[in-house]
Amino acid sequence: MSLGFVVVLVVLLVCANALFFSERFLFVLPLKGPKSLFLRFVELALLYGACLLLGRLAESRLHGAPYPQSWEFYVIGVCLFLVAAFPGFIYRYMWRKDH
């Protein structure tokens, strides 16, 4: 297992869970009230895209060119990103009392 793979995996786990710990949109823009679940899913999609780009960049740097992927790869990637976000979701909506 290469260091690039480990870095991408750690960034993926942090991005998938971090949005449930912040009340700012994309960690920068303050909101008037608490974030809705819909807004959190929008953030999740944007962060998935950022992690996907990071993975493609790491793959091209490590192997010379990224391998071509079909739609199945991206569907499985979304599912794995949602699984990685599950601990943050549980913390935010099941354990915390002030949501």
Protein backbone atom coordinates (compact mmCIF):
# COMPACT_ATOMS: atom_id res chain seq x y z
CA MET A 1 0.00 0.00 0.00
CA SER A 2 1.54 3.30 -1.09
CA LEU A 3 1.65 6.50 0.90
CA GLY A 4 -0.45 8.29 -1.73
CA PHE A 5 -3.26 5.77 -1.26
CA VAL A 6 -3.19 6.20 2.51
CA VAL A 7 -3.28 9.99 2.21
CA VAL A 8 -6.25 9.88 -0.18
CA LEU A 9 -8.07 7.44 2.13
CA VAL A 10 -7.52 9.63 5.21
CA VAL A 11 -8.66 12.76 3.33
CA LEU A 12 -11.75 10.88 2.16
CA LEU A 13 -12.66 9.83 5.70
CA VAL A 14 -12.10 13.33 7.08
CA CYS A 15 -14.12 15.00 4.30
CA ALA A 16 -16.96 12.52 4.61
CA ASN A 17 -17.37 13.15 8.34
CA ALA A 18 -16.25 16.75 8.83
CA LEU A 19 -19.36 18.32 7.33
CA PHE A 20 -21.46 16.94 10.17
CA PHE A 21 -19.33 18.79 12.74
CA SER A 22 -19.56 22.29 11.26
CA GLU A 23 -22.51 24.66 10.94
CA ARG A 24 -20.83 26.62 8.13
CA PHE A 25 -21.43 25.84 4.47
CA LEU A 26 -18.23 24.27 3.10
CA PHE A 27 -16.51 25.26 6.37
CA VAL A 28 -16.36 28.92 5.23
CA LEU A 29 -19.75 30.54 4.69
CA PRO A 30 -21.73 31.25 7.87
CA LEU A 31 -25.46 30.50 7.81
CA LYS A 32 -28.29 32.24 9.67
CA GLY A 33 -29.61 29.05 11.22
CA PRO A 34 -28.57 25.43 11.52
CA LYS A 35 -27.79 23.55 8.33
CA SER A 36 -30.59 21.44 6.94
CA LEU A 37 -30.08 17.81 5.99
CA PHE A 38 -30.48 18.77 2.33
CA LEU A 39 -27.64 21.30 2.59
CA ARG A 40 -25.47 18.66 4.23
CA PHE A 41 -26.10 16.31 1.31
CA VAL A 42 -25.16 19.08 -1.14
CA GLU A 43 -21.93 19.52 0.80
CA LEU A 44 -21.43 15.76 0.76
CA ALA A 45 -21.73 15.71 -3.04
CA LEU A 46 -19.29 18.60 -3.43
CA LEU A 47 -16.78 17.00 -1.07
CA TYR A 48 -17.13 13.68 -2.91
CA GLY A 49 -16.26 15.50 -6.13
CA ALA A 50 -13.24 17.10 -4.47
CA CYS A 51 -12.05 13.72 -3.12
CA LEU A 52 -12.61 12.16 -6.55
CA LEU A 53 -10.45 14.85 -8.16
CA LEU A 54 -7.79 14.34 -5.50
CA GLY A 55 -7.80 10.61 -6.15
CA ARG A 56 -7.51 11.11 -9.91
CA LEU A 57 -4.64 13.54 -9.37
CA ALA A 58 -2.85 11.12 -7.04
CA GLU A 59 -3.38 8.27 -9.51
CA SER A 60 -1.97 10.27 -12.39
CA ARG A 61 1.04 11.33 -10.30
CA LEU A 62 1.75 7.80 -9.06
CA HIS A 63 1.00 5.80 -12.23
CA GLY A 64 1.52 8.32 -15.02
CA ALA A 65 -2.10 8.41 -16.22
CA PRO A 66 -5.42 7.68 -14.55
CA TYR A 67 -7.12 4.49 -15.61
CA PRO A 68 -10.38 4.90 -17.57
CA GLN A 69 -13.47 4.18 -15.45
CA SER A 70 -17.09 3.48 -16.34
CA TRP A 71 -20.22 4.50 -14.45
CA GLU A 72 -20.06 1.49 -12.10
CA PHE A 73 -16.87 2.82 -10.54
CA TYR A 74 -18.51 6.13 -9.68
CA VAL A 75 -21.67 4.51 -8.25
CA ILE A 76 -19.57 2.28 -6.01
CA GLY A 77 -17.47 5.31 -5.03
CA VAL A 78 -20.58 7.26 -3.98
CA CYS A 79 -21.79 4.29 -1.93
CA LEU A 80 -18.42 3.94 -0.20
CA PHE A 81 -18.34 7.70 0.50
CA LEU A 82 -21.80 7.46 2.11
CA VAL A 83 -20.62 4.53 4.23
CA ALA A 84 -17.57 6.57 5.27
CA ALA A 85 -19.90 9.46 6.26
CA PHE A 86 -22.06 7.25 8.45
CA PRO A 87 -20.18 7.82 11.75
CA GLY A 88 -20.51 11.61 11.39
CA PHE A 89 -24.21 11.27 10.54
CA ILE A 90 -24.84 9.07 13.58
CA TYR A 91 -22.96 11.50 15.82
CA ARG A 92 -24.87 14.51 14.50
CA TYR A 93 -28.41 13.14 14.38
CA MET A 94 -28.45 10.29 16.91
CA TRP A 95 -26.05 11.18 19.74
CA ARG A 96 -26.07 14.99 19.92
CA LYS A 97 -29.06 16.57 21.62
CA ASP A 98 -28.74 20.14 20.25
CA HIS A 99 -29.59 19.58 16.58
